[in-house]
């Protein structure tokens, strides 16, 4: 019994399901929203914390780099808040196979963190 999908009894930290219709996101003020992200470093996370609701991106930096290791940081803190997760930890191939297409950024898709910052 583990979080892995190939486990005898898979118990993932979360999962995604298709929405009945696409979600429209207004990205006209992306730069304004991103300029507020510096304050997120000092924000303490707690359940239903409204402080994180204003951010477009959520850093999902897992404490382990294991196959399919995607925790509540991804499902409950990023996706449930409507944020785009920036993922470090599980391999990119696992994210591509288990998560909705075009719903995340993965640090392995970029040459460096500086390159990620430019996108």
PDB file of N, CA and C in Angstrom:
ATOM      1  N   UNK A   1       0.850  -1.166   0.000  1.00  0.00           N
ATOM      2  CA  UNK A   1       0.000   0.000   0.000  1.00  0.00           C
ATOM      3  C   UNK A   1       0.902   1.237   0.000  1.00  0.00           C
ATOM      4  N   UNK A   2       0.940   1.929  -1.151  1.00  0.00           N
ATOM      5  CA  UNK A   2       1.770   3.134  -1.266  1.00  0.00           C
ATOM      6  C   UNK A   2       1.075   4.146  -2.173  1.00  0.00           C
ATOM      7  N   UNK A   3       1.733   5.286  -2.366  1.00  0.00           N
ATOM      8  CA  UNK A   3       1.205   6.341  -3.238  1.00  0.00           C
ATOM      9  C   UNK A   3       1.377   5.989  -4.712  1.00  0.00           C
ATOM     10  N   UNK A   4       2.170   4.979  -5.042  1.00  0.00           N
ATOM     11  CA  UNK A   4       2.444   4.638  -6.438  1.00  0.00           C
ATOM     12  C   UNK A   4       1.260   3.954  -7.101  1.00  0.00           C
ATOM     13  N   UNK A   5       1.038   4.262  -8.380  1.00  0.00           N
ATOM     14  CA  UNK A   5      -0.093   3.676  -9.106  1.00  0.00           C
ATOM     15  C   UNK A   5       0.107   2.188  -9.385  1.00  0.00           C
ATOM     16  N   UNK A   6       1.358   1.707  -9.360  1.00  0.00           N
ATOM     17  CA  UNK A   6       1.614   0.291  -9.587  1.00  0.00           C
ATOM     18  C   UNK A   6       1.657  -0.524  -8.287  1.00  0.00           C
ATOM     19  N   UNK A   7       1.249   0.072  -7.199  1.00  0.00           N
ATOM     20  CA  UNK A   7       1.190  -0.604  -5.904  1.00  0.00           C
ATOM     21  C   UNK A   7       0.027  -1.595  -5.880  1.00  0.00           C
ATOM     22  N   UNK A   8       0.111  -2.605  -5.017  1.00  0.00           N
ATOM     23  CA  UNK A   8      -1.009  -3.533  -4.863  1.00  0.00           C
ATOM     24  C   UNK A   8      -2.270  -2.786  -4.442  1.00  0.00           C
ATOM     25  N   UNK A   9      -2.086  -1.822  -3.542  1.00  0.00           N
ATOM     26  CA  UNK A   9      -3.203  -0.981  -3.101  1.00  0.00           C
ATOM     27  C   UNK A   9      -2.743   0.469  -3.227  1.00  0.00           C
ATOM     28  N   UNK A  10      -3.024   1.115  -4.377  1.00  0.00           N
ATOM     29  CA  UNK A  10      -2.586   2.504  -4.545  1.00  0.00           C
ATOM     30  C   UNK A  10      -3.415   3.469  -3.700  1.00  0.00           C
ATOM     31  N   UNK A  11      -2.721   4.320  -2.956  1.00  0.00           N
ATOM     32  CA  UNK A  11      -3.370   5.340  -2.137  1.00  0.00           C
ATOM     33  C   UNK A  11      -2.648   6.667  -2.413  1.00  0.00           C
ATOM     34  N   UNK A  12      -3.001   7.336  -3.520  1.00  0.00           N
ATOM     35  CA  UNK A  12      -2.328   8.596  -3.847  1.00  0.00           C
ATOM     36  C   UNK A  12      -2.755   9.712  -2.901  1.00  0.00           C
ATOM     37  N   UNK A  13      -1.930  10.749  -2.837  1.00  0.00           N
ATOM     38  CA  UNK A  13      -2.248  11.911  -2.014  1.00  0.00           C
ATOM     39  C   UNK A  13      -3.423  12.696  -2.594  1.00  0.00           C
ATOM     40  N   UNK A  14      -3.688  12.507  -3.862  1.00  0.00           N
ATOM     41  CA  UNK A  14      -4.781  13.198  -4.525  1.00  0.00           C
ATOM     42  C   UNK A  14      -4.889  12.705  -5.954  1.00  0.00           C
ATOM     43  N   UNK A  15      -5.862  13.217  -6.653  1.00  0.00           N
ATOM     44  CA  UNK A  15      -6.029  12.874  -8.062  1.00  0.00           C
ATOM     45  C   UNK A  15      -6.771  14.008  -8.750  1.00  0.00           C
ATOM     46  N   UNK A  16      -6.739  13.986 -10.058  1.00  0.00           N
ATOM     47  CA  UNK A  16      -7.447  15.007 -10.822  1.00  0.00           C
ATOM     48  C   UNK A  16      -8.586  14.346 -11.583  1.00  0.00           C
ATOM     49  N   UNK A  17      -9.629  15.112 -11.802  1.00  0.00           N
ATOM     50  CA  UNK A  17     -10.774  14.639 -12.583  1.00  0.00           C
ATOM     51  C   UNK A  17     -11.123  15.722 -13.597  1.00  0.00           C
ATOM     52  N   UNK A  18     -11.636  15.335 -14.758  1.00  0.00           N
ATOM     53  CA  UNK A  18     -11.984  16.340 -15.767  1.00  0.00           C
ATOM     54  C   UNK A  18     -13.125  17.245 -15.285  1.00  0.00           C
ATOM     55  N   UNK A  19     -13.024  18.501 -15.639  1.00  0.00           N
ATOM     56  CA  UNK A  19     -14.108  19.450 -15.355  1.00  0.00           C
ATOM     57  C   UNK A  19     -15.151  19.341 -16.456  1.00  0.00           C
ATOM     58  N   UNK A  20     -16.408  19.694 -16.160  1.00  0.00           N
ATOM     59  CA  UNK A  20     -17.443  19.607 -17.193  1.00  0.00           C
ATOM     60  C   UNK A  20     -17.217  20.580 -18.352  1.00  0.00           C
ATOM     61  N   UNK A  21     -16.506  21.677 -18.065  1.00  0.00           N
ATOM     62  CA  UNK A  21     -16.214  22.642 -19.132  1.00  0.00           C
ATOM     63  C   UNK A  21     -14.881  23.313 -18.827  1.00  0.00           C
ATOM     64  N   UNK A  22     -14.221  23.861 -19.856  1.00  0.00           N
ATOM     65  CA  UNK A  22     -12.925  24.521 -19.645  1.00  0.00           C
ATOM     66  C   UNK A  22     -13.057  25.721 -18.711  1.00  0.00           C
ATOM     67  N   UNK A  23     -11.975  26.024 -18.019  1.00  0.00           N
ATOM     68  CA  UNK A  23     -11.936  27.168 -17.112  1.00  0.00           C
ATOM     69  C   UNK A  23     -11.239  28.308 -17.835  1.00  0.00           C
ATOM     70  N   UNK A  24     -11.880  29.476 -17.864  1.00  0.00           N
ATOM     71  CA  UNK A  24     -11.263  30.655 -18.462  1.00  0.00           C
ATOM     72  C   UNK A  24     -10.445  31.369 -17.395  1.00  0.00           C
ATOM     73  N   UNK A  25      -9.210  31.686 -17.735  1.00  0.00           N
ATOM     74  CA  UNK A  25      -8.327  32.384 -16.813  1.00  0.00           C
ATOM     75  C   UNK A  25      -7.938  33.711 -17.432  1.00  0.00           C
ATOM     76  N   UNK A  26      -8.124  34.789 -16.692  1.00  0.00           N
ATOM     77  CA  UNK A  26      -7.767  36.113 -17.162  1.00  0.00           C
ATOM     78  C   UNK A  26      -6.299  36.375 -16.823  1.00  0.00           C
ATOM     79  N   UNK A  27      -5.456  36.388 -17.837  1.00  0.00           N
ATOM     80  CA  UNK A  27      -4.031  36.600 -17.621  1.00  0.00           C
ATOM     81  C   UNK A  27      -3.586  37.996 -18.039  1.00  0.00           C
ATOM     82  N   UNK A  28      -4.511  38.943 -18.078  1.00  0.00           N
ATOM     83  CA  UNK A  28      -4.152  40.290 -18.506  1.00  0.00           C
ATOM     84  C   UNK A  28      -3.258  40.995 -17.500  1.00  0.00           C
ATOM     85  N   UNK A  29      -3.352  40.633 -16.224  1.00  0.00           N
ATOM     86  CA  UNK A  29      -2.543  41.286 -15.202  1.00  0.00           C
ATOM     87  C   UNK A  29      -1.539  40.326 -14.579  1.00  0.00           C
ATOM     88  N   UNK A  30      -0.953  39.466 -15.392  1.00  0.00           N
ATOM     89  CA  UNK A  30      -0.003  38.475 -14.884  1.00  0.00           C
ATOM     90  C   UNK A  30       1.178  39.144 -14.199  1.00  0.00           C
ATOM     91  N   UNK A  31       1.724  40.186 -14.805  1.00  0.00           N
ATOM     92  CA  UNK A  31       2.894  40.836 -14.210  1.00  0.00           C
ATOM     93  C   UNK A  31       2.572  41.428 -12.851  1.00  0.00           C
ATOM     94  N   UNK A  32       1.389  42.001 -12.691  1.00  0.00           N
ATOM     95  CA  UNK A  32       0.995  42.541 -11.383  1.00  0.00           C
ATOM     96  C   UNK A  32       0.900  41.421 -10.351  1.00  0.00           C
ATOM     97  N   UNK A  33       0.311  40.315 -10.744  1.00  0.00           N
ATOM     98  CA  UNK A  33       0.170  39.189  -9.818  1.00  0.00           C
ATOM     99  C   UNK A  33       1.531  38.608  -9.458  1.00  0.00           C
ATOM    100  N   UNK A  34       2.416  38.516 -10.445  1.00  0.00           N
ATOM    101  CA  UNK A  34       3.741  37.962 -10.182  1.00  0.00           C
ATOM    102  C   UNK A  34       4.553  38.867  -9.267  1.00  0.00           C
ATOM    103  N   UNK A  35       4.369  40.179  -9.363  1.00  0.00           N
ATOM    104  CA  UNK A  35       5.136  41.082  -8.506  1.00  0.00           C
ATOM    105  C   UNK A  35       4.764  40.896  -7.034  1.00  0.00           C
ATOM    106  N   UNK A  36       3.571  40.372  -6.744  1.00  0.00           N
ATOM    107  CA  UNK A  36       3.159  40.115  -5.352  1.00  0.00           C
ATOM    108  C   UNK A  36       3.708  38.809  -4.824  1.00  0.00           C
ATOM    109  N   UNK A  37       4.267  37.922  -5.713  1.00  0.00           N
ATOM    110  CA  UNK A  37       4.721  36.586  -5.308  1.00  0.00           C
ATOM    111  C   UNK A  37       5.836  36.626  -4.284  1.00  0.00           C
ATOM    112  N   UNK A  38       6.606  37.700  -4.237  1.00  0.00           N
ATOM    113  CA  UNK A  38       7.696  37.793  -3.269  1.00  0.00           C
ATOM    114  C   UNK A  38       7.167  37.651  -1.846  1.00  0.00           C
ATOM    115  N   UNK A  39       5.946  38.087  -1.609  1.00  0.00           N
ATOM    116  CA  UNK A  39       5.362  38.002  -0.273  1.00  0.00           C
ATOM    117  C   UNK A  39       4.976  36.576   0.098  1.00  0.00           C
ATOM    118  N   UNK A  40       4.828  35.705  -0.885  1.00  0.00           N
ATOM    119  CA  UNK A  40       4.421  34.327  -0.610  1.00  0.00           C
ATOM    120  C   UNK A  40       5.486  33.569   0.180  1.00  0.00           C
ATOM    121  N   UNK A  41       6.737  33.984   0.050  1.00  0.00           N
ATOM    122  CA  UNK A  41       7.817  33.314   0.767  1.00  0.00           C
ATOM    123  C   UNK A  41       7.594  33.398   2.274  1.00  0.00           C
ATOM    124  N   UNK A  42       7.040  34.495   2.733  1.00  0.00           N
ATOM    125  CA  UNK A  42       6.825  34.683   4.167  1.00  0.00           C
ATOM    126  C   UNK A  42       5.457  34.210   4.644  1.00  0.00           C
ATOM    127  N   UNK A  43       4.607  33.781   3.718  1.00  0.00           N
ATOM    128  CA  UNK A  43       3.260  33.355   4.110  1.00  0.00           C
ATOM    129  C   UNK A  43       3.300  31.968   4.735  1.00  0.00           C
ATOM    130  N   UNK A  44       2.608  31.809   5.821  1.00  0.00           N
ATOM    131  CA  UNK A  44       2.509  30.504   6.472  1.00  0.00           C
ATOM    132  C   UNK A  44       1.301  29.797   5.903  1.00  0.00           C
ATOM    133  N   UNK A  45       1.488  28.547   5.436  1.00  0.00           N
ATOM    134  CA  UNK A  45       0.363  27.838   4.857  1.00  0.00           C
ATOM    135  C   UNK A  45      -0.481  27.221   5.953  1.00  0.00           C
ATOM    136  N   UNK A  46      -1.762  27.339   5.796  1.00  0.00           N
ATOM    137  CA  UNK A  46      -2.713  26.682   6.695  1.00  0.00           C
ATOM    138  C   UNK A  46      -3.936  26.333   5.860  1.00  0.00           C
ATOM    139  N   UNK A  47      -4.729  25.340   6.275  1.00  0.00           N
ATOM    140  CA  UNK A  47      -5.899  24.961   5.473  1.00  0.00           C
ATOM    141  C   UNK A  47      -6.793  26.166   5.176  1.00  0.00           C
ATOM    142  N   UNK A  48      -7.234  26.241   3.929  1.00  0.00           N
ATOM    143  CA  UNK A  48      -8.120  27.323   3.484  1.00  0.00           C
ATOM    144  C   UNK A  48      -7.532  28.714   3.712  1.00  0.00           C
ATOM    145  N   UNK A  49      -6.229  28.816   3.556  1.00  0.00           N
ATOM    146  CA  UNK A  49      -5.538  30.095   3.724  1.00  0.00           C
ATOM    147  C   UNK A  49      -5.833  30.983   2.520  1.00  0.00           C
ATOM    148  N   UNK A  50      -6.511  32.082   2.730  1.00  0.00           N
ATOM    149  CA  UNK A  50      -6.868  32.983   1.635  1.00  0.00           C
ATOM    150  C   UNK A  50      -5.672  33.767   1.115  1.00  0.00           C
ATOM    151  N   UNK A  51      -4.585  33.818   1.902  1.00  0.00           N
ATOM    152  CA  UNK A  51      -3.397  34.559   1.457  1.00  0.00           C
ATOM    153  C   UNK A  51      -2.822  34.000   0.172  1.00  0.00           C
ATOM    154  N   UNK A  52      -2.960  32.698  -0.059  1.00  0.00           N
ATOM    155  CA  UNK A  52      -2.374  32.087  -1.261  1.00  0.00           C
ATOM    156  C   UNK A  52      -3.320  32.114  -2.452  1.00  0.00           C
ATOM    157  N   UNK A  53      -4.542  32.526  -2.266  1.00  0.00           N
ATOM    158  CA  UNK A  53      -5.530  32.528  -3.355  1.00  0.00           C
ATOM    159  C   UNK A  53      -5.202  33.509  -4.476  1.00  0.00           C
ATOM    160  N   UNK A  54      -4.419  34.531  -4.192  1.00  0.00           N
ATOM    161  CA  UNK A  54      -4.159  35.565  -5.200  1.00  0.00           C
ATOM    162  C   UNK A  54      -3.011  35.213  -6.142  1.00  0.00           C
ATOM    163  N   UNK A  55      -2.298  34.119  -5.867  1.00  0.00           N
ATOM    164  CA  UNK A  55      -1.123  33.793  -6.666  1.00  0.00           C
ATOM    165  C   UNK A  55      -1.454  32.879  -7.833  1.00  0.00           C
ATOM    166  N   UNK A  56      -0.796  33.115  -8.948  1.00  0.00           N
ATOM    167  CA  UNK A  56      -1.004  32.328 -10.149  1.00  0.00           C
ATOM    168  C   UNK A  56      -0.197  31.027 -10.079  1.00  0.00           C
ATOM    169  N   UNK A  57       0.986  31.091  -9.474  1.00  0.00           N
ATOM    170  CA  UNK A  57       1.868  29.931  -9.391  1.00  0.00           C
ATOM    171  C   UNK A  57       2.033  29.488  -7.945  1.00  0.00           C
ATOM    172  N   UNK A  58       2.248  28.182  -7.771  1.00  0.00           N
ATOM    173  CA  UNK A  58       2.507  27.627  -6.440  1.00  0.00           C
ATOM    174  C   UNK A  58       3.705  26.686  -6.566  1.00  0.00           C
ATOM    175  N   UNK A  59       4.744  26.929  -5.762  1.00  0.00           N
ATOM    176  CA  UNK A  59       5.935  26.094  -5.811  1.00  0.00           C
ATOM    177  C   UNK A  59       5.673  24.771  -5.114  1.00  0.00           C
ATOM    178  N   UNK A  60       5.738  23.704  -5.879  1.00  0.00           N
ATOM    179  CA  UNK A  60       5.545  22.355  -5.347  1.00  0.00           C
ATOM    180  C   UNK A  60       6.919  21.697  -5.339  1.00  0.00           C
ATOM    181  N   UNK A  61       7.697  21.989  -4.305  1.00  0.00           N
ATOM    182  CA  UNK A  61       9.030  21.427  -4.164  1.00  0.00           C
ATOM    183  C   UNK A  61       8.947  20.304  -3.147  1.00  0.00           C
ATOM    184  N   UNK A  62       8.865  19.078  -3.652  1.00  0.00           N
ATOM    185  CA  UNK A  62       8.728  17.909  -2.779  1.00  0.00           C
ATOM    186  C   UNK A  62      10.041  17.639  -2.051  1.00  0.00           C
ATOM    187  N   UNK A  63       9.944  17.002  -0.897  1.00  0.00           N
ATOM    188  CA  UNK A  63      11.142  16.719  -0.108  1.00  0.00           C
ATOM    189  C   UNK A  63      11.822  15.423  -0.541  1.00  0.00           C
ATOM    190  N   UNK A  64      11.334  14.815  -1.602  1.00  0.00           N
ATOM    191  CA  UNK A  64      11.905  13.577  -2.099  1.00  0.00           C
ATOM    192  C   UNK A  64      11.749  13.526  -3.614  1.00  0.00           C
ATOM    193  N   UNK A  65      12.725  12.916  -4.266  1.00  0.00           N
ATOM    194  CA  UNK A  65      12.666  12.784  -5.717  1.00  0.00           C
ATOM    195  C   UNK A  65      12.389  11.322  -6.055  1.00  0.00           C
ATOM    196  N   UNK A  66      11.163  10.911  -5.848  1.00  0.00           N
ATOM    197  CA  UNK A  66      10.754   9.519  -6.068  1.00  0.00           C
ATOM    198  C   UNK A  66       9.725   9.445  -7.184  1.00  0.00           C
ATOM    199  N   UNK A  67       9.690   8.301  -7.862  1.00  0.00           N
ATOM    200  CA  UNK A  67       8.692   8.080  -8.901  1.00  0.00           C
ATOM    201  C   UNK A  67       7.298   8.297  -8.344  1.00  0.00           C
ATOM    202  N   UNK A  68       6.509   9.097  -9.018  1.00  0.00           N
ATOM    203  CA  UNK A  68       5.095   9.352  -8.730  1.00  0.00           C
ATOM    204  C   UNK A  68       4.849   9.980  -7.356  1.00  0.00           C
ATOM    205  N   UNK A  69       5.877  10.537  -6.725  1.00  0.00           N
ATOM    206  CA  UNK A  69       5.694  11.141  -5.402  1.00  0.00           C
ATOM    207  C   UNK A  69       5.147  12.557  -5.565  1.00  0.00           C
ATOM    208  N   UNK A  70       3.833  12.669  -5.494  1.00  0.00           N
ATOM    209  CA  UNK A  70       3.124  13.944  -5.614  1.00  0.00           C
ATOM    210  C   UNK A  70       2.209  14.046  -4.407  1.00  0.00           C
ATOM    211  N   UNK A  71       2.435  15.051  -3.584  1.00  0.00           N
ATOM    212  CA  UNK A  71       1.735  15.124  -2.305  1.00  0.00           C
ATOM    213  C   UNK A  71       0.637  16.182  -2.308  1.00  0.00           C
ATOM    214  N   UNK A  72       0.183  16.492  -1.095  1.00  0.00           N
ATOM    215  CA  UNK A  72      -0.863  17.506  -0.926  1.00  0.00           C
ATOM    216  C   UNK A  72      -0.415  18.865  -1.430  1.00  0.00           C
ATOM    217  N   UNK A  73       0.900  19.099  -1.508  1.00  0.00           N
ATOM    218  CA  UNK A  73       1.393  20.373  -2.055  1.00  0.00           C
ATOM    219  C   UNK A  73       0.839  20.594  -3.462  1.00  0.00           C
ATOM    220  N   UNK A  74       0.793  19.536  -4.235  1.00  0.00           N
ATOM    221  CA  UNK A  74       0.300  19.617  -5.607  1.00  0.00           C
ATOM    222  C   UNK A  74      -1.221  19.653  -5.661  1.00  0.00           C
ATOM    223  N   UNK A  75      -1.859  18.676  -5.057  1.00  0.00           N
ATOM    224  CA  UNK A  75      -3.305  18.513  -5.208  1.00  0.00           C
ATOM    225  C   UNK A  75      -4.124  19.496  -4.368  1.00  0.00           C
ATOM    226  N   UNK A  76      -3.760  19.677  -3.121  1.00  0.00           N
ATOM    227  CA  UNK A  76      -4.577  20.499  -2.216  1.00  0.00           C
ATOM    228  C   UNK A  76      -4.110  21.953  -2.118  1.00  0.00           C
ATOM    229  N   UNK A  77      -2.809  22.180  -2.308  1.00  0.00           N
ATOM    230  CA  UNK A  77      -2.303  23.541  -2.172  1.00  0.00           C
ATOM    231  C   UNK A  77      -2.243  24.270  -3.510  1.00  0.00           C
ATOM    232  N   UNK A  78      -1.991  23.560  -4.592  1.00  0.00           N
ATOM    233  CA  UNK A  78      -1.893  24.212  -5.902  1.00  0.00           C
ATOM    234  C   UNK A  78      -3.187  24.074  -6.691  1.00  0.00           C
ATOM    235  N   UNK A  79      -3.492  22.864  -7.135  1.00  0.00           N
ATOM    236  CA  UNK A  79      -4.676  22.669  -7.977  1.00  0.00           C
ATOM    237  C   UNK A  79      -5.961  23.113  -7.302  1.00  0.00           C
ATOM    238  N   UNK A  80      -6.157  22.771  -6.050  1.00  0.00           N
ATOM    239  CA  UNK A  80      -7.407  23.129  -5.365  1.00  0.00           C
ATOM    240  C   UNK A  80      -7.560  24.633  -5.203  1.00  0.00           C
ATOM    241  N   UNK A  81      -6.444  25.362  -5.191  1.00  0.00           N
ATOM    242  CA  UNK A  81      -6.487  26.822  -5.085  1.00  0.00           C
ATOM    243  C   UNK A  81      -6.538  27.495  -6.454  1.00  0.00           C
ATOM    244  N   UNK A  82      -6.486  26.678  -7.521  1.00  0.00           N
ATOM    245  CA  UNK A  82      -6.550  27.246  -8.871  1.00  0.00           C
ATOM    246  C   UNK A  82      -5.219  27.801  -9.349  1.00  0.00           C
ATOM    247  N   UNK A  83      -4.123  27.368  -8.735  1.00  0.00           N
ATOM    248  CA  UNK A  83      -2.795  27.855  -9.113  1.00  0.00           C
ATOM    249  C   UNK A  83      -2.111  26.866 -10.053  1.00  0.00           C
ATOM    250  N   UNK A  84      -1.148  27.363 -10.786  1.00  0.00           N
ATOM    251  CA  UNK A  84      -0.332  26.519 -11.660  1.00  0.00           C
ATOM    252  C   UNK A  84       0.856  26.036 -10.839  1.00  0.00           C
ATOM    253  N   UNK A  85       0.988  24.718 -10.648  1.00  0.00           N
ATOM    254  CA  UNK A  85       2.118  24.225  -9.860  1.00  0.00           C
ATOM    255  C   UNK A  85       3.425  24.262 -10.643  1.00  0.00           C
ATOM    256  N   UNK A  86       4.495  24.663  -9.954  1.00  0.00           N
ATOM    257  CA  UNK A  86       5.852  24.585 -10.478  1.00  0.00           C
ATOM    258  C   UNK A  86       6.499  23.441  -9.705  1.00  0.00           C
ATOM    259  N   UNK A  87       6.741  22.323 -10.377  1.00  0.00           N
ATOM    260  CA  UNK A  87       7.054  21.065  -9.705  1.00  0.00           C
ATOM    261  C   UNK A  87       8.546  20.733  -9.726  1.00  0.00           C
ATOM    262  N   UNK A  88       9.041  20.305  -8.551  1.00  0.00           N
ATOM    263  CA  UNK A  88      10.381  19.759  -8.381  1.00  0.00           C
ATOM    264  C   UNK A  88      10.246  18.536  -7.487  1.00  0.00           C
ATOM    265  N   UNK A  89      10.744  17.407  -7.923  1.00  0.00           N
ATOM    266  CA  UNK A  89      10.653  16.195  -7.112  1.00  0.00           C
ATOM    267  C   UNK A  89      10.366  14.987  -7.967  1.00  0.00           C
ATOM    268  N   UNK A  90       9.099  14.735  -8.275  1.00  0.00           N
ATOM    269  CA  UNK A  90       8.804  13.574  -9.120  1.00  0.00           C
ATOM    270  C   UNK A  90       9.347  13.807 -10.529  1.00  0.00           C
ATOM    271  N   UNK A  91       9.788  12.742 -11.197  1.00  0.00           N
ATOM    272  CA  UNK A  91      10.304  12.906 -12.554  1.00  0.00           C
ATOM    273  C   UNK A  91       9.259  13.503 -13.504  1.00  0.00           C
ATOM    274  N   UNK A  92       9.738  14.244 -14.474  1.00  0.00           N
ATOM    275  CA  UNK A  92       8.872  14.872 -15.466  1.00  0.00           C
ATOM    276  C   UNK A  92       7.983  13.851 -16.156  1.00  0.00           C
ATOM    277  N   UNK A  93       8.519  12.689 -16.479  1.00  0.00           N
ATOM    278  CA  UNK A  93       7.745  11.664 -17.189  1.00  0.00           C
ATOM    279  C   UNK A  93       6.526  11.231 -16.383  1.00  0.00           C
ATOM    280  N   UNK A  94       6.650  11.168 -15.062  1.00  0.00           N
ATOM    281  CA  UNK A  94       5.513  10.809 -14.212  1.00  0.00           C
ATOM    282  C   UNK A  94       4.457  11.907 -14.222  1.00  0.00           C
ATOM    283  N   UNK A  95       4.909  13.144 -14.172  1.00  0.00           N
ATOM    284  CA  UNK A  95       3.962  14.262 -14.206  1.00  0.00           C
ATOM    285  C   UNK A  95       3.210  14.293 -15.537  1.00  0.00           C
ATOM    286  N   UNK A  96       3.918  14.034 -16.625  1.00  0.00           N
ATOM    287  CA  UNK A  96       3.282  14.024 -17.942  1.00  0.00           C
ATOM    288  C   UNK A  96       2.252  12.907 -18.064  1.00  0.00           C
ATOM    289  N   UNK A  97       2.506  11.779 -17.412  1.00  0.00           N
ATOM    290  CA  UNK A  97       1.580  10.650 -17.546  1.00  0.00           C
ATOM    291  C   UNK A  97       0.425  10.693 -16.539  1.00  0.00           C
ATOM    292  N   UNK A  98       0.592  11.381 -15.416  1.00  0.00           N
ATOM    293  CA  UNK A  98      -0.431  11.351 -14.370  1.00  0.00           C
ATOM    294  C   UNK A  98      -1.233  12.641 -14.201  1.00  0.00           C
ATOM    295  N   UNK A  99      -0.715  13.738 -14.694  1.00  0.00           N
ATOM    296  CA  UNK A  99      -1.386  15.029 -14.487  1.00  0.00           C
ATOM    297  C   UNK A  99      -2.015  15.524 -15.790  1.00  0.00           C
ATOM    298  N   UNK A 100      -3.013  16.396 -15.686  1.00  0.00           N
ATOM    299  CA  UNK A 100      -3.644  16.931 -16.900  1.00  0.00           C
ATOM    300  C   UNK A 100      -2.622  17.676 -17.770  1.00  0.00           C
ATOM    301  N   UNK A 101      -2.740  17.536 -19.077  1.00  0.00           N
ATOM    302  CA  UNK A 101      -1.796  18.225 -19.966  1.00  0.00           C
ATOM    303  C   UNK A 101      -1.878  19.743 -19.800  1.00  0.00           C
ATOM    304  N   UNK A 102      -0.731  20.370 -19.907  1.00  0.00           N
ATOM    305  CA  UNK A 102      -0.620  21.837 -19.834  1.00  0.00           C
ATOM    306  C   UNK A 102      -1.141  22.416 -18.525  1.00  0.00           C
ATOM    307  N   UNK A 103      -1.043  21.653 -17.435  1.00  0.00           N
ATOM    308  CA  UNK A 103      -1.570  22.143 -16.150  1.00  0.00           C
ATOM    309  C   UNK A 103      -0.475  22.411 -15.135  1.00  0.00           C
ATOM    310  N   UNK A 104       0.788  22.315 -15.533  1.00  0.00           N
ATOM    311  CA  UNK A 104       1.891  22.494 -14.590  1.00  0.00           C
ATOM    312  C   UNK A 104       3.157  22.898 -15.330  1.00  0.00           C
ATOM    313  N   UNK A 105       4.127  23.401 -14.570  1.00  0.00           N
ATOM    314  CA  UNK A 105       5.485  23.624 -15.070  1.00  0.00           C
ATOM    315  C   UNK A 105       6.390  22.696 -14.274  1.00  0.00           C
ATOM    316  N   UNK A 106       7.364  22.105 -14.921  1.00  0.00           N
ATOM    317  CA  UNK A 106       8.298  21.214 -14.228  1.00  0.00           C
ATOM    318  C   UNK A 106       9.702  21.779 -14.405  1.00  0.00           C
ATOM    319  N   UNK A 107      10.458  21.842 -13.321  1.00  0.00           N
ATOM    320  CA  UNK A 107      11.784  22.458 -13.401  1.00  0.00           C
ATOM    321  C   UNK A 107      12.709  21.716 -14.364  1.00  0.00           C
ATOM    322  N   UNK A 108      12.499  20.417 -14.572  1.00  0.00           N
ATOM    323  CA  UNK A 108      13.344  19.664 -15.501  1.00  0.00           C
ATOM    324  C   UNK A 108      13.107  20.036 -16.958  1.00  0.00           C
ATOM    325  N   UNK A 109      12.079  20.806 -17.236  1.00  0.00           N
ATOM    326  CA  UNK A 109      11.802  21.257 -18.603  1.00  0.00           C
ATOM    327  C   UNK A 109      12.646  22.471 -18.977  1.00  0.00           C
ATOM    328  N   UNK A 110      13.433  22.983 -18.046  1.00  0.00           N
ATOM    329  CA  UNK A 110      14.221  24.199 -18.258  1.00  0.00           C
ATOM    330  C   UNK A 110      15.690  23.916 -17.993  1.00  0.00           C
ATOM    331  N   UNK A 111      16.558  24.635 -18.688  1.00  0.00           N
ATOM    332  CA  UNK A 111      18.000  24.430 -18.536  1.00  0.00           C
ATOM    333  C   UNK A 111      18.490  24.858 -17.158  1.00  0.00           C
ATOM    334  N   UNK A 112      17.865  25.896 -16.608  1.00  0.00           N
ATOM    335  CA  UNK A 112      18.280  26.413 -15.305  1.00  0.00           C
ATOM    336  C   UNK A 112      17.096  27.119 -14.659  1.00  0.00           C
ATOM    337  N   UNK A 113      17.214  27.429 -13.389  1.00  0.00           N
ATOM    338  CA  UNK A 113      16.155  28.186 -12.718  1.00  0.00           C
ATOM    339  C   UNK A 113      16.048  29.591 -13.296  1.00  0.00           C
ATOM    340  N   UNK A 114      17.155  30.116 -13.770  1.00  0.00           N
ATOM    341  CA  UNK A 114      17.145  31.426 -14.421  1.00  0.00           C
ATOM    342  C   UNK A 114      16.295  31.375 -15.695  1.00  0.00           C
ATOM    343  N   UNK A 115      16.431  30.281 -16.448  1.00  0.00           N
ATOM    344  CA  UNK A 115      15.637  30.082 -17.668  1.00  0.00           C
ATOM    345  C   UNK A 115      14.162  29.948 -17.329  1.00  0.00           C
ATOM    346  N   UNK A 116      13.841  29.234 -16.272  1.00  0.00           N
ATOM    347  CA  UNK A 116      12.452  29.080 -15.810  1.00  0.00           C
ATOM    348  C   UNK A 116      11.863  30.444 -15.463  1.00  0.00           C
ATOM    349  N   UNK A 117      12.638  31.282 -14.811  1.00  0.00           N
ATOM    350  CA  UNK A 117      12.197  32.611 -14.394  1.00  0.00           C
ATOM    351  C   UNK A 117      11.867  33.501 -15.587  1.00  0.00           C
ATOM    352  N   UNK A 118      12.522  33.284 -16.717  1.00  0.00           N
ATOM    353  CA  UNK A 118      12.297  34.103 -17.915  1.00  0.00           C
ATOM    354  C   UNK A 118      11.025  33.734 -18.634  1.00  0.00           C
ATOM    355  N   UNK A 119      10.502  32.533 -18.420  1.00  0.00           N
ATOM    356  CA  UNK A 119       9.306  32.077 -19.136  1.00  0.00           C
ATOM    357  C   UNK A 119       8.113  32.667 -18.470  1.00  0.00           C
TER     358      UNK A 119
END
